[in-house]
PDB file of N, CA and C in Angstrom:
ATOM      1  N   MET A   1     -24.160 -30.399  16.317  1.00  0.00           N
ATOM      2  CA  MET A   1     -23.333 -29.235  16.065  1.00  0.00           C
ATOM      3  C   MET A   1     -24.199 -27.969  16.156  1.00  0.00           C
ATOM      4  N   ASN A   2     -23.623 -26.907  16.633  1.00  0.00           N
ATOM      5  CA  ASN A   2     -24.321 -25.627  16.777  1.00  0.00           C
ATOM      6  C   ASN A   2     -24.697 -25.065  15.407  1.00  0.00           C
ATOM      7  N   PRO A   3     -25.912 -24.547  15.238  1.00  0.00           N
ATOM      8  CA  PRO A   3     -26.340 -24.022  13.933  1.00  0.00           C
ATOM      9  C   PRO A   3     -25.521 -22.832  13.426  1.00  0.00           C
ATOM     10  N   THR A   4     -24.795 -22.183  14.288  1.00  0.00           N
ATOM     11  CA  THR A   4     -24.028 -21.008  13.851  1.00  0.00           C
ATOM     12  C   THR A   4     -22.548 -21.310  13.709  1.00  0.00           C
ATOM     13  N   THR A   5     -22.176 -22.533  13.542  1.00  0.00           N
ATOM     14  CA  THR A   5     -20.774 -22.914  13.523  1.00  0.00           C
ATOM     15  C   THR A   5     -19.968 -22.162  12.465  1.00  0.00           C
ATOM     16  N   TYR A   6     -20.318 -22.269  11.212  1.00  0.00           N
ATOM     17  CA  TYR A   6     -19.532 -21.623  10.164  1.00  0.00           C
ATOM     18  C   TYR A   6     -19.621 -20.100  10.197  1.00  0.00           C
ATOM     19  N   PRO A   7     -20.810 -19.510  10.361  1.00  0.00           N
ATOM     20  CA  PRO A   7     -20.847 -18.043  10.444  1.00  0.00           C
ATOM     21  C   PRO A   7     -20.021 -17.493  11.615  1.00  0.00           C
ATOM     22  N   LEU A   8     -20.050 -18.171  12.748  1.00  0.00           N
ATOM     23  CA  LEU A   8     -19.276 -17.718  13.911  1.00  0.00           C
ATOM     24  C   LEU A   8     -17.776 -17.829  13.642  1.00  0.00           C
ATOM     25  N   LEU A   9     -17.359 -18.921  13.054  1.00  0.00           N
ATOM     26  CA  LEU A   9     -15.952 -19.097  12.711  1.00  0.00           C
ATOM     27  C   LEU A   9     -15.495 -18.027  11.725  1.00  0.00           C
ATOM     28  N   CYS A  10     -16.308 -17.739  10.738  1.00  0.00           N
ATOM     29  CA  CYS A  10     -15.976 -16.700   9.755  1.00  0.00           C
ATOM     30  C   CYS A  10     -15.886 -15.334  10.414  1.00  0.00           C
ATOM     31  N   ALA A  11     -16.812 -15.056  11.318  1.00  0.00           N
ATOM     32  CA  ALA A  11     -16.796 -13.774  12.030  1.00  0.00           C
ATOM     33  C   ALA A  11     -15.518 -13.619  12.840  1.00  0.00           C
ATOM     34  N   MET A  12     -15.063 -14.694  13.469  1.00  0.00           N
ATOM     35  CA  MET A  12     -13.820 -14.622  14.250  1.00  0.00           C
ATOM     36  C   MET A  12     -12.624 -14.302  13.348  1.00  0.00           C
ATOM     37  N   PHE A  13     -12.554 -14.931  12.182  1.00  0.00           N
ATOM     38  CA  PHE A  13     -11.469 -14.640  11.237  1.00  0.00           C
ATOM     39  C   PHE A  13     -11.515 -13.185  10.788  1.00  0.00           C
ATOM     40  N   LEU A  14     -12.697 -12.694  10.467  1.00  0.00           N
ATOM     41  CA  LEU A  14     -12.829 -11.320   9.985  1.00  0.00           C
ATOM     42  C   LEU A  14     -12.512 -10.299  11.077  1.00  0.00           C
ATOM     43  N   VAL A  15     -12.929 -10.578  12.311  1.00  0.00           N
ATOM     44  CA  VAL A  15     -12.622  -9.668  13.417  1.00  0.00           C
ATOM     45  C   VAL A  15     -11.115  -9.634  13.660  1.00  0.00           C
ATOM     46  N   ALA A  16     -10.470 -10.792  13.669  1.00  0.00           N
ATOM     47  CA  ALA A  16      -9.016 -10.831  13.875  1.00  0.00           C
ATOM     48  C   ALA A  16      -8.290 -10.062  12.776  1.00  0.00           C
ATOM     49  N   ALA A  17      -8.690 -10.260  11.536  1.00  0.00           N
ATOM     50  CA  ALA A  17      -8.055  -9.557  10.416  1.00  0.00           C
ATOM     51  C   ALA A  17      -8.261  -8.054  10.529  1.00  0.00           C
ATOM     52  N   THR A  18      -9.453  -7.654  10.934  1.00  0.00           N
ATOM     53  CA  THR A  18      -9.760  -6.228  11.074  1.00  0.00           C
ATOM     54  C   THR A  18      -8.956  -5.597  12.207  1.00  0.00           C
ATOM     55  N   LEU A  19      -8.768  -6.317  13.298  1.00  0.00           N
ATOM     56  CA  LEU A  19      -7.957  -5.791  14.402  1.00  0.00           C
ATOM     57  C   LEU A  19      -6.504  -5.586  13.978  1.00  0.00           C
ATOM     58  N   VAL A  20      -5.956  -6.536  13.247  1.00  0.00           N
ATOM     59  CA  VAL A  20      -4.579  -6.397  12.762  1.00  0.00           C
ATOM     60  C   VAL A  20      -4.485  -5.241  11.769  1.00  0.00           C
ATOM     61  N   ALA A  21      -5.480  -5.100  10.903  1.00  0.00           N
ATOM     62  CA  ALA A  21      -5.497  -3.980   9.951  1.00  0.00           C
ATOM     63  C   ALA A  21      -5.589  -2.648  10.687  1.00  0.00           C
ATOM     64  N   GLY A  22      -6.342  -2.616  11.770  1.00  0.00           N
ATOM     65  CA  GLY A  22      -6.420  -1.406  12.586  1.00  0.00           C
ATOM     66  C   GLY A  22      -5.077  -1.049  13.182  1.00  0.00           C
ATOM     67  N   ALA A  23      -4.359  -2.042  13.652  1.00  0.00           N
ATOM     68  CA  ALA A  23      -3.014  -1.800  14.184  1.00  0.00           C
ATOM     69  C   ALA A  23      -2.089  -1.277  13.090  1.00  0.00           C
ATOM     70  N   ALA A  24      -2.212  -1.833  11.888  1.00  0.00           N
ATOM     71  CA  ALA A  24      -1.388  -1.366  10.764  1.00  0.00           C
ATOM     72  C   ALA A  24      -1.744   0.073  10.408  1.00  0.00           C
ATOM     73  N   ALA A  25      -3.019   0.426  10.507  1.00  0.00           N
ATOM     74  CA  ALA A  25      -3.434   1.801  10.217  1.00  0.00           C
ATOM     75  C   ALA A  25      -2.852   2.773  11.234  1.00  0.00           C
ATOM     76  N   VAL A  26      -2.793   2.360  12.506  1.00  0.00           N
ATOM     77  CA  VAL A  26      -2.194   3.206  13.540  1.00  0.00           C
ATOM     78  C   VAL A  26      -0.707   3.413  13.245  1.00  0.00           C
ATOM     79  N   VAL A  27      -0.016   2.347  12.876  1.00  0.00           N
ATOM     80  CA  VAL A  27       1.403   2.453  12.534  1.00  0.00           C
ATOM     81  C   VAL A  27       1.572   3.352  11.319  1.00  0.00           C
ATOM     82  N   HIS A  28       0.683   3.201  10.345  1.00  0.00           N
ATOM     83  CA  HIS A  28       0.736   4.029   9.132  1.00  0.00           C
ATOM     84  C   HIS A  28       0.594   5.503   9.483  1.00  0.00           C
ATOM     85  N   ARG A  29      -0.321   5.833  10.361  1.00  0.00           N
ATOM     86  CA  ARG A  29      -0.539   7.235  10.756  1.00  0.00           C
ATOM     87  C   ARG A  29       0.640   7.789  11.537  1.00  0.00           C
ATOM     88  N   ARG A  30       1.347   6.914  12.228  1.00  0.00           N
ATOM     89  CA  ARG A  30       2.492   7.339  13.029  1.00  0.00           C
ATOM     90  C   ARG A  30       3.605   7.876  12.149  1.00  0.00           C
ATOM     91  N   GLY A  31       3.639   7.426  10.901  1.00  0.00           N
ATOM     92  CA  GLY A  31       4.606   7.947   9.941  1.00  0.00           C
ATOM     93  C   GLY A  31       6.040   7.583  10.241  1.00  0.00           C
ATOM     94  N   ASP A  32       6.285   6.358  10.647  1.00  0.00           N
ATOM     95  CA  ASP A  32       7.655   5.976  10.983  1.00  0.00           C
ATOM     96  C   ASP A  32       8.364   5.272   9.835  1.00  0.00           C
ATOM     97  N   GLY A  33       8.069   5.631   8.618  1.00  0.00           N
ATOM     98  CA  GLY A  33       8.738   5.013   7.484  1.00  0.00           C
ATOM     99  C   GLY A  33       7.931   3.916   6.830  1.00  0.00           C
ATOM    100  N   ARG A  34       6.885   3.486   7.454  1.00  0.00           N
ATOM    101  CA  ARG A  34       6.053   2.434   6.861  1.00  0.00           C
ATOM    102  C   ARG A  34       4.951   3.044   6.006  1.00  0.00           C
ATOM    103  N   ARG A  35       4.870   4.348   5.996  1.00  0.00           N
ATOM    104  CA  ARG A  35       3.795   5.065   5.313  1.00  0.00           C
ATOM    105  C   ARG A  35       3.706   4.699   3.838  1.00  0.00           C
ATOM    106  N   ARG A  36       4.840   4.686   3.160  1.00  0.00           N
ATOM    107  CA  ARG A  36       4.840   4.393   1.727  1.00  0.00           C
ATOM    108  C   ARG A  36       4.344   2.971   1.450  1.00  0.00           C
ATOM    109  N   ALA A  37       4.794   2.018   2.243  1.00  0.00           N
ATOM    110  CA  ALA A  37       4.367   0.630   2.049  1.00  0.00           C
ATOM    111  C   ALA A  37       2.858   0.499   2.213  1.00  0.00           C
ATOM    112  N   ALA A  38       2.306   1.145   3.216  1.00  0.00           N
ATOM    113  CA  ALA A  38       0.865   1.057   3.450  1.00  0.00           C
ATOM    114  C   ALA A  38       0.084   1.720   2.319  1.00  0.00           C
ATOM    115  N   ALA A  39       0.571   2.844   1.836  1.00  0.00           N
ATOM    116  CA  ALA A  39      -0.124   3.553   0.756  1.00  0.00           C
ATOM    117  C   ALA A  39      -0.134   2.744  -0.532  1.00  0.00           C
ATOM    118  N   VAL A  40       0.920   2.015  -0.792  1.00  0.00           N
ATOM    119  CA  VAL A  40       0.997   1.185  -1.995  1.00  0.00           C
ATOM    120  C   VAL A  40       0.125  -0.060  -1.837  1.00  0.00           C
ATOM    121  N   MET A  41       0.026  -0.573  -0.639  1.00  0.00           N
ATOM    122  CA  MET A  41      -0.675  -1.834  -0.434  1.00  0.00           C
ATOM    123  C   MET A  41      -2.182  -1.722  -0.444  1.00  0.00           C
ATOM    124  N   LEU A  42      -2.742  -0.575  -0.100  1.00  0.00           N
ATOM    125  CA  LEU A  42      -4.205  -0.477  -0.044  1.00  0.00           C
ATOM    126  C   LEU A  42      -4.861  -0.762  -1.389  1.00  0.00           C
ATOM    127  N   PRO A  43      -4.456  -0.109  -2.486  1.00  0.00           N
ATOM    128  CA  PRO A  43      -5.082  -0.454  -3.775  1.00  0.00           C
ATOM    129  C   PRO A  43      -4.799  -1.894  -4.187  1.00  0.00           C
ATOM    130  N   ALA A  44      -3.599  -2.367  -3.910  1.00  0.00           N
ATOM    131  CA  ALA A  44      -3.246  -3.747  -4.259  1.00  0.00           C
ATOM    132  C   ALA A  44      -4.098  -4.738  -3.473  1.00  0.00           C
ATOM    133  N   ALA A  45      -4.349  -4.439  -2.204  1.00  0.00           N
ATOM    134  CA  ALA A  45      -5.183  -5.319  -1.379  1.00  0.00           C
ATOM    135  C   ALA A  45      -6.615  -5.348  -1.900  1.00  0.00           C
ATOM    136  N   GLY A  46      -7.124  -4.208  -2.330  1.00  0.00           N
ATOM    137  CA  GLY A  46      -8.475  -4.166  -2.893  1.00  0.00           C
ATOM    138  C   GLY A  46      -8.583  -4.996  -4.151  1.00  0.00           C
ATOM    139  N   LEU A  47      -7.599  -4.860  -5.026  1.00  0.00           N
ATOM    140  CA  LEU A  47      -7.583  -5.657  -6.256  1.00  0.00           C
ATOM    141  C   LEU A  47      -7.451  -7.144  -5.936  1.00  0.00           C
ATOM    142  N   ALA A  48      -6.591  -7.472  -4.994  1.00  0.00           N
ATOM    143  CA  ALA A  48      -6.420  -8.871  -4.597  1.00  0.00           C
ATOM    144  C   ALA A  48      -7.724  -9.435  -4.034  1.00  0.00           C
ATOM    145  N   ALA A  49      -8.438  -8.631  -3.250  1.00  0.00           N
ATOM    146  CA  ALA A  49      -9.718  -9.089  -2.686  1.00  0.00           C
ATOM    147  C   ALA A  49     -10.719  -9.406  -3.789  1.00  0.00           C
ATOM    148  N   VAL A  50     -10.795  -8.545  -4.790  1.00  0.00           N
ATOM    149  CA  VAL A  50     -11.724  -8.779  -5.904  1.00  0.00           C
ATOM    150  C   VAL A  50     -11.359 -10.071  -6.636  1.00  0.00           C
ATOM    151  N   VAL A  51     -10.077 -10.234  -6.932  1.00  0.00           N
ATOM    152  CA  VAL A  51      -9.614 -11.440  -7.636  1.00  0.00           C
ATOM    153  C   VAL A  51      -9.901 -12.686  -6.810  1.00  0.00           C
ATOM    154  N   LEU A  52      -9.604 -12.634  -5.516  1.00  0.00           N
ATOM    155  CA  LEU A  52      -9.851 -13.790  -4.649  1.00  0.00           C
ATOM    156  C   LEU A  52     -11.338 -14.129  -4.553  1.00  0.00           C
ATOM    157  N   LEU A  53     -12.183 -13.117  -4.498  1.00  0.00           N
ATOM    158  CA  LEU A  53     -13.624 -13.369  -4.427  1.00  0.00           C
ATOM    159  C   LEU A  53     -14.146 -13.993  -5.719  1.00  0.00           C
ATOM    160  N   VAL A  54     -13.670 -13.518  -6.851  1.00  0.00           N
ATOM    161  CA  VAL A  54     -14.097 -14.106  -8.138  1.00  0.00           C
ATOM    162  C   VAL A  54     -13.622 -15.555  -8.236  1.00  0.00           C
ATOM    163  N   LEU A  55     -12.364 -15.789  -7.889  1.00  0.00           N
ATOM    164  CA  LEU A  55     -11.840 -17.157  -7.944  1.00  0.00           C
ATOM    165  C   LEU A  55     -12.582 -18.079  -6.982  1.00  0.00           C
ATOM    166  N   THR A  56     -12.888 -17.574  -5.795  1.00  0.00           N
ATOM    167  CA  THR A  56     -13.642 -18.376  -4.826  1.00  0.00           C
ATOM    168  C   THR A  56     -15.022 -18.711  -5.375  1.00  0.00           C
ATOM    169  N   ALA A  57     -15.684 -17.723  -5.963  1.00  0.00           N
ATOM    170  CA  ALA A  57     -17.022 -17.962  -6.518  1.00  0.00           C
ATOM    171  C   ALA A  57     -16.976 -19.026  -7.604  1.00  0.00           C
ATOM    172  N   VAL A  58     -16.032 -18.911  -8.505  1.00  0.00           N
ATOM    173  CA  VAL A  58     -15.953 -19.855  -9.620  1.00  0.00           C
ATOM    174  C   VAL A  58     -15.585 -21.252  -9.130  1.00  0.00           C
ATOM    175  N   PHE A  59     -14.486 -21.354  -8.404  1.00  0.00           N
ATOM    176  CA  PHE A  59     -13.977 -22.684  -8.072  1.00  0.00           C
ATOM    177  C   PHE A  59     -14.763 -23.372  -6.957  1.00  0.00           C
ATOM    178  N   ASP A  60     -15.268 -22.646  -5.979  1.00  0.00           N
ATOM    179  CA  ASP A  60     -16.109 -23.291  -4.966  1.00  0.00           C
ATOM    180  C   ASP A  60     -17.374 -23.851  -5.606  1.00  0.00           C
ATOM    181  N   ASN A  61     -17.981 -23.076  -6.493  1.00  0.00           N
ATOM    182  CA  ASN A  61     -19.178 -23.581  -7.176  1.00  0.00           C
ATOM    183  C   ASN A  61     -18.859 -24.814  -8.008  1.00  0.00           C
ATOM    184  N   LEU A  62     -17.740 -24.801  -8.725  1.00  0.00           N
ATOM    185  CA  LEU A  62     -17.353 -25.976  -9.514  1.00  0.00           C
ATOM    186  C   LEU A  62     -17.107 -27.192  -8.633  1.00  0.00           C
ATOM    187  N   MET A  63     -16.373 -27.001  -7.545  1.00  0.00           N
ATOM    188  CA  MET A  63     -16.041 -28.137  -6.674  1.00  0.00           C
ATOM    189  C   MET A  63     -17.289 -28.703  -5.993  1.00  0.00           C
ATOM    190  N   ILE A  64     -18.213 -27.835  -5.609  1.00  0.00           N
ATOM    191  CA  ILE A  64     -19.462 -28.315  -5.001  1.00  0.00           C
ATOM    192  C   ILE A  64     -20.308 -29.018  -6.057  1.00  0.00           C
ATOM    193  N   ALA A  65     -20.341 -28.470  -7.268  1.00  0.00           N
ATOM    194  CA  ALA A  65     -21.151 -29.057  -8.349  1.00  0.00           C
ATOM    195  C   ALA A  65     -20.692 -30.464  -8.708  1.00  0.00           C
ATOM    196  N   VAL A  66     -19.380 -30.712  -8.699  1.00  0.00           N
ATOM    197  CA  VAL A  66     -18.895 -32.054  -9.057  1.00  0.00           C
ATOM    198  C   VAL A  66     -18.844 -32.994  -7.856  1.00  0.00           C
ATOM    199  N   GLY A  67     -19.233 -32.488  -6.685  1.00  0.00           N
ATOM    200  CA  GLY A  67     -19.342 -33.365  -5.521  1.00  0.00           C
ATOM    201  C   GLY A  67     -18.080 -33.558  -4.715  1.00  0.00           C
ATOM    202  N   LEU A  68     -17.086 -32.667  -4.862  1.00  0.00           N
ATOM    203  CA  LEU A  68     -15.871 -32.813  -4.057  1.00  0.00           C
ATOM    204  C   LEU A  68     -16.144 -32.596  -2.574  1.00  0.00           C
ATOM    205  N   PHE A  69     -17.067 -31.726  -2.256  1.00  0.00           N
ATOM    206  CA  PHE A  69     -17.466 -31.502  -0.871  1.00  0.00           C
ATOM    207  C   PHE A  69     -18.857 -30.878  -0.838  1.00  0.00           C
ATOM    208  N   SER A  70     -19.433 -30.884   0.346  1.00  0.00           N
ATOM    209  CA  SER A  70     -20.745 -30.266   0.545  1.00  0.00           C
ATOM    210  C   SER A  70     -20.790 -29.715   1.961  1.00  0.00           C
ATOM    211  N   TYR A  71     -21.846 -28.981   2.252  1.00  0.00           N
ATOM    212  CA  TYR A  71     -22.016 -28.376   3.567  1.00  0.00           C
ATOM    213  C   TYR A  71     -23.327 -28.852   4.171  1.00  0.00           C
ATOM    214  N   ALA A  72     -23.288 -29.181   5.424  1.00  0.00           N
ATOM    215  CA  ALA A  72     -24.513 -29.531   6.138  1.00  0.00           C
ATOM    216  C   ALA A  72     -25.319 -28.255   6.328  1.00  0.00           C
ATOM    217  N   GLU A  73     -26.563 -28.274   5.939  1.00  0.00           N
ATOM    218  CA  GLU A  73     -27.412 -27.081   6.000  1.00  0.00           C
ATOM    219  C   GLU A  73     -27.534 -26.516   7.411  1.00  0.00           C
ATOM    220  N   GLU A  74     -27.443 -27.374   8.421  1.00  0.00           N
ATOM    221  CA  GLU A  74     -27.646 -26.892   9.794  1.00  0.00           C
ATOM    222  C   GLU A  74     -26.456 -26.110  10.357  1.00  0.00           C
ATOM    223  N   VAL A  75     -25.323 -26.101   9.683  1.00  0.00           N
ATOM    224  CA  VAL A  75     -24.150 -25.380  10.204  1.00  0.00           C
ATOM    225  C   VAL A  75     -23.767 -24.166   9.359  1.00  0.00           C
ATOM    226  N   ILE A  76     -24.580 -23.829   8.365  1.00  0.00           N
ATOM    227  CA  ILE A  76     -24.323 -22.638   7.552  1.00  0.00           C
ATOM    228  C   ILE A  76     -25.523 -21.697   7.658  1.00  0.00           C
ATOM    229  N   SER A  77     -25.333 -20.471   7.183  1.00  0.00           N
ATOM    230  CA  SER A  77     -26.413 -19.473   7.284  1.00  0.00           C
ATOM    231  C   SER A  77     -27.563 -19.765   6.330  1.00  0.00           C
ATOM    232  N   GLY A  78     -27.288 -20.494   5.256  1.00  0.00           N
ATOM    233  CA  GLY A  78     -28.317 -20.779   4.263  1.00  0.00           C
ATOM    234  C   GLY A  78     -28.278 -19.834   3.078  1.00  0.00           C
ATOM    235  N   VAL A  79     -27.542 -18.741   3.194  1.00  0.00           N
ATOM    236  CA  VAL A  79     -27.399 -17.797   2.088  1.00  0.00           C
ATOM    237  C   VAL A  79     -26.285 -18.321   1.180  1.00  0.00           C
ATOM    238  N   ARG A  80     -26.590 -18.401  -0.109  1.00  0.00           N
ATOM    239  CA  ARG A  80     -25.624 -18.962  -1.054  1.00  0.00           C
ATOM    240  C   ARG A  80     -25.442 -18.050  -2.251  1.00  0.00           C
ATOM    241  N   LEU A  81     -24.266 -18.103  -2.828  1.00  0.00           N
ATOM    242  CA  LEU A  81     -23.985 -17.494  -4.133  1.00  0.00           C
ATOM    243  C   LEU A  81     -23.747 -18.665  -5.069  1.00  0.00           C
ATOM    244  N   GLY A  82     -24.733 -18.982  -5.851  1.00  0.00           N
ATOM    245  CA  GLY A  82     -24.692 -20.219  -6.623  1.00  0.00           C
ATOM    246  C   GLY A  82     -24.856 -21.362  -5.647  1.00  0.00           C
ATOM    247  N   LEU A  83     -23.908 -22.275  -5.672  1.00  0.00           N
ATOM    248  CA  LEU A  83     -23.934 -23.406  -4.742  1.00  0.00           C
ATOM    249  C   LEU A  83     -23.117 -23.140  -3.482  1.00  0.00           C
ATOM    250  N   ALA A  84     -22.269 -22.119  -3.521  1.00  0.00           N
ATOM    251  CA  ALA A  84     -21.343 -21.845  -2.413  1.00  0.00           C
ATOM    252  C   ALA A  84     -22.009 -20.999  -1.327  1.00  0.00           C
ATOM    253  N   PRO A  85     -21.892 -21.439  -0.075  1.00  0.00           N
ATOM    254  CA  PRO A  85     -22.428 -20.611   1.013  1.00  0.00           C
ATOM    255  C   PRO A  85     -21.597 -19.334   1.163  1.00  0.00           C
ATOM    256  N   VAL A  86     -22.241 -18.259   1.595  1.00  0.00           N
ATOM    257  CA  VAL A  86     -21.524 -16.980   1.720  1.00  0.00           C
ATOM    258  C   VAL A  86     -20.363 -17.083   2.702  1.00  0.00           C
ATOM    259  N   GLU A  87     -20.429 -18.023   3.619  1.00  0.00           N
ATOM    260  CA  GLU A  87     -19.326 -18.191   4.570  1.00  0.00           C
ATOM    261  C   GLU A  87     -18.009 -18.499   3.868  1.00  0.00           C
ATOM    262  N   ASP A  88     -18.067 -19.153   2.718  1.00  0.00           N
ATOM    263  CA  ASP A  88     -16.845 -19.461   1.966  1.00  0.00           C
ATOM    264  C   ASP A  88     -16.101 -18.193   1.537  1.00  0.00           C
ATOM    265  N   PHE A  89     -16.798 -17.086   1.455  1.00  0.00           N
ATOM    266  CA  PHE A  89     -16.178 -15.854   0.971  1.00  0.00           C
ATOM    267  C   PHE A  89     -15.505 -15.058   2.086  1.00  0.00           C
ATOM    268  N   ALA A  90     -15.703 -15.452   3.327  1.00  0.00           N
ATOM    269  CA  ALA A  90     -15.085 -14.740   4.450  1.00  0.00           C
ATOM    270  C   ALA A  90     -13.577 -14.953   4.483  1.00  0.00           C
ATOM    271  N   TYR A  91     -13.118 -16.121   4.127  1.00  0.00           N
ATOM    272  CA  TYR A  91     -11.684 -16.417   4.228  1.00  0.00           C
ATOM    273  C   TYR A  91     -10.858 -15.617   3.222  1.00  0.00           C
ATOM    274  N   PRO A  92     -11.266 -15.510   1.951  1.00  0.00           N
ATOM    275  CA  PRO A  92     -10.494 -14.664   1.040  1.00  0.00           C
ATOM    276  C   PRO A  92     -10.526 -13.189   1.452  1.00  0.00           C
ATOM    277  N   VAL A  93     -11.658 -12.735   1.986  1.00  0.00           N
ATOM    278  CA  VAL A  93     -11.732 -11.340   2.447  1.00  0.00           C
ATOM    279  C   VAL A  93     -10.781 -11.145   3.626  1.00  0.00           C
ATOM    280  N   ALA A  94     -10.797 -12.069   4.564  1.00  0.00           N
ATOM    281  CA  ALA A  94      -9.886 -11.974   5.717  1.00  0.00           C
ATOM    282  C   ALA A  94      -8.428 -11.985   5.263  1.00  0.00           C
ATOM    283  N   ALA A  95      -8.106 -12.826   4.299  1.00  0.00           N
ATOM    284  CA  ALA A  95      -6.726 -12.875   3.791  1.00  0.00           C
ATOM    285  C   ALA A  95      -6.335 -11.562   3.123  1.00  0.00           C
ATOM    286  N   ALA A  96      -7.248 -10.987   2.355  1.00  0.00           N
ATOM    287  CA  ALA A  96      -6.953  -9.719   1.668  1.00  0.00           C
ATOM    288  C   ALA A  96      -6.794  -8.569   2.658  1.00  0.00           C
ATOM    289  N   ILE A  97      -7.428  -8.658   3.807  1.00  0.00           N
ATOM    290  CA  ILE A  97      -7.271  -7.640   4.845  1.00  0.00           C
ATOM    291  C   ILE A  97      -6.011  -7.905   5.666  1.00  0.00           C
ATOM    292  N   LEU A  98      -5.829  -9.148   6.065  1.00  0.00           N
ATOM    293  CA  LEU A  98      -4.784  -9.509   7.020  1.00  0.00           C
ATOM    294  C   LEU A  98      -3.374  -9.471   6.444  1.00  0.00           C
ATOM    295  N   LEU A  99      -3.171 -10.038   5.287  1.00  0.00           N
ATOM    296  CA  LEU A  99      -1.802 -10.173   4.776  1.00  0.00           C
ATOM    297  C   LEU A  99      -1.122  -8.838   4.492  1.00  0.00           C
ATOM    298  N   PRO A 100      -1.766  -7.875   3.834  1.00  0.00           N
ATOM    299  CA  PRO A 100      -1.084  -6.579   3.665  1.00  0.00           C
ATOM    300  C   PRO A 100      -0.832  -5.865   5.000  1.00  0.00           C
ATOM    301  N   ALA A 101      -1.766  -6.015   5.939  1.00  0.00           N
ATOM    302  CA  ALA A 101      -1.577  -5.398   7.252  1.00  0.00           C
ATOM    303  C   ALA A 101      -0.373  -6.001   7.956  1.00  0.00           C
ATOM    304  N   LEU A 102      -0.235  -7.314   7.887  1.00  0.00           N
ATOM    305  CA  LEU A 102       0.934  -7.958   8.478  1.00  0.00           C
ATOM    306  C   LEU A 102       2.219  -7.517   7.798  1.00  0.00           C
ATOM    307  N   TRP A 103       2.165  -7.335   6.498  1.00  0.00           N
ATOM    308  CA  TRP A 103       3.338  -6.882   5.747  1.00  0.00           C
ATOM    309  C   TRP A 103       3.810  -5.532   6.294  1.00  0.00           C
ATOM    310  N   VAL A 104       2.868  -4.634   6.511  1.00  0.00           N
ATOM    311  CA  VAL A 104       3.205  -3.308   7.039  1.00  0.00           C
ATOM    312  C   VAL A 104       3.745  -3.418   8.458  1.00  0.00           C
ATOM    313  N   LEU A 105       3.087  -4.229   9.284  1.00  0.00           N
ATOM    314  CA  LEU A 105       3.500  -4.338  10.685  1.00  0.00           C
ATOM    315  C   LEU A 105       4.832  -5.050  10.871  1.00  0.00           C
ATOM    316  N   LEU A 106       5.122  -6.000  10.003  1.00  0.00           N
ATOM    317  CA  LEU A 106       6.327  -6.814  10.173  1.00  0.00           C
ATOM    318  C   LEU A 106       7.488  -6.377   9.286  1.00  0.00           C
ATOM    319  N   GLU A 107       7.383  -5.195   8.717  1.00  0.00           N
ATOM    320  CA  GLU A 107       8.462  -4.691   7.877  1.00  0.00           C
ATOM    321  C   GLU A 107       9.745  -4.618   8.706  1.00  0.00           C
ATOM    322  N   PRO A 108      10.868  -5.134   8.188  1.00  0.00           N
ATOM    323  CA  PRO A 108      12.119  -5.117   8.954  1.00  0.00           C
ATOM    324  C   PRO A 108      12.554  -3.688   9.292  1.00  0.00           C
ATOM    325  N   ALA A 109      13.236  -3.542  10.412  1.00  0.00           N
ATOM    326  CA  ALA A 109      13.687  -2.226  10.870  1.00  0.00           C
ATOM    327  C   ALA A 109      14.621  -1.574   9.853  1.00  0.00           C
ATOM    328  N   THR A 110      15.434  -2.356   9.155  1.00  0.00           N
ATOM    329  CA  THR A 110      16.353  -1.770   8.173  1.00  0.00           C
ATOM    330  C   THR A 110      15.578  -1.127   7.030  1.00  0.00           C
ATOM    331  N   SER A 111      14.496  -1.735   6.600  1.00  0.00           N
ATOM    332  CA  SER A 111      13.661  -1.150   5.546  1.00  0.00           C
ATOM    333  C   SER A 111      13.009   0.137   6.027  1.00  0.00           C
ATOM    334  N   ARG A 112      12.572   0.133   7.290  1.00  0.00           N
ATOM    335  CA  ARG A 112      11.942   1.327   7.840  1.00  0.00           C
ATOM    336  C   ARG A 112      12.928   2.477   7.861  1.00  0.00           C
ATOM    337  N   ARG A 113      14.182   2.203   8.263  1.00  0.00           N
ATOM    338  CA  ARG A 113      15.175   3.278   8.321  1.00  0.00           C
ATOM    339  C   ARG A 113      15.468   3.815   6.939  1.00  0.00           C
ATOM    340  N   ARG A 114      15.631   2.923   5.953  1.00  0.00           N
ATOM    341  CA  ARG A 114      15.930   3.372   4.589  1.00  0.00           C
ATOM    342  C   ARG A 114      14.807   4.230   4.015  1.00  0.00           C
ATOM    343  N   SER A 115      13.549   3.790   4.197  1.00  0.00           N
ATOM    344  CA  SER A 115      12.445   4.555   3.628  1.00  0.00           C
ATOM    345  C   SER A 115      12.237   5.851   4.423  1.00  0.00           C
ATOM    346  N   HIS A 116      12.596   5.867   5.691  1.00  0.00           N
ATOM    347  CA  HIS A 116      12.463   7.074   6.499  1.00  0.00           C
ATOM    348  C   HIS A 116      13.526   8.102   6.116  1.00  0.00           C
ATOM    349  N   ASP A 117      14.691   7.634   5.706  1.00  0.00           N
ATOM    350  CA  ASP A 117      15.788   8.528   5.329  1.00  0.00           C
ATOM    351  C   ASP A 117      15.552   9.216   4.007  1.00  0.00           C
ATOM    352  N   ARG A 118      14.662   8.689   3.189  1.00  0.00           N
ATOM    353  CA  ARG A 118      14.409   9.278   1.858  1.00  0.00           C
ATOM    354  C   ARG A 118      13.689  10.560   1.921  1.00  0.00           C
TER     355      ARG A 118
END
């Protein structure tokens, strides 16, 4: 297996999430009624990211400590927070970026019209 397997996979998830968030930011700037949703979601996404990172740190370390799973050293970067490789933290960060952005982008047209009319 390639030594950069997990870091590369994590990078792909983070790049995809960032691209979708960029698209949501463009829509937000356009001001077509999605503006309010995006403004409310940014602080919520930040809080969700913090919560997800703390939960990942606690539970990944516990699960690795009791032997539920392990990582082959040759496929991770080697940087760890406790027992958990830093790659484990990319997925919660990607989720915290991606899901609110998708919410903004996929808002139904009827919601956009109602919030635009206000």
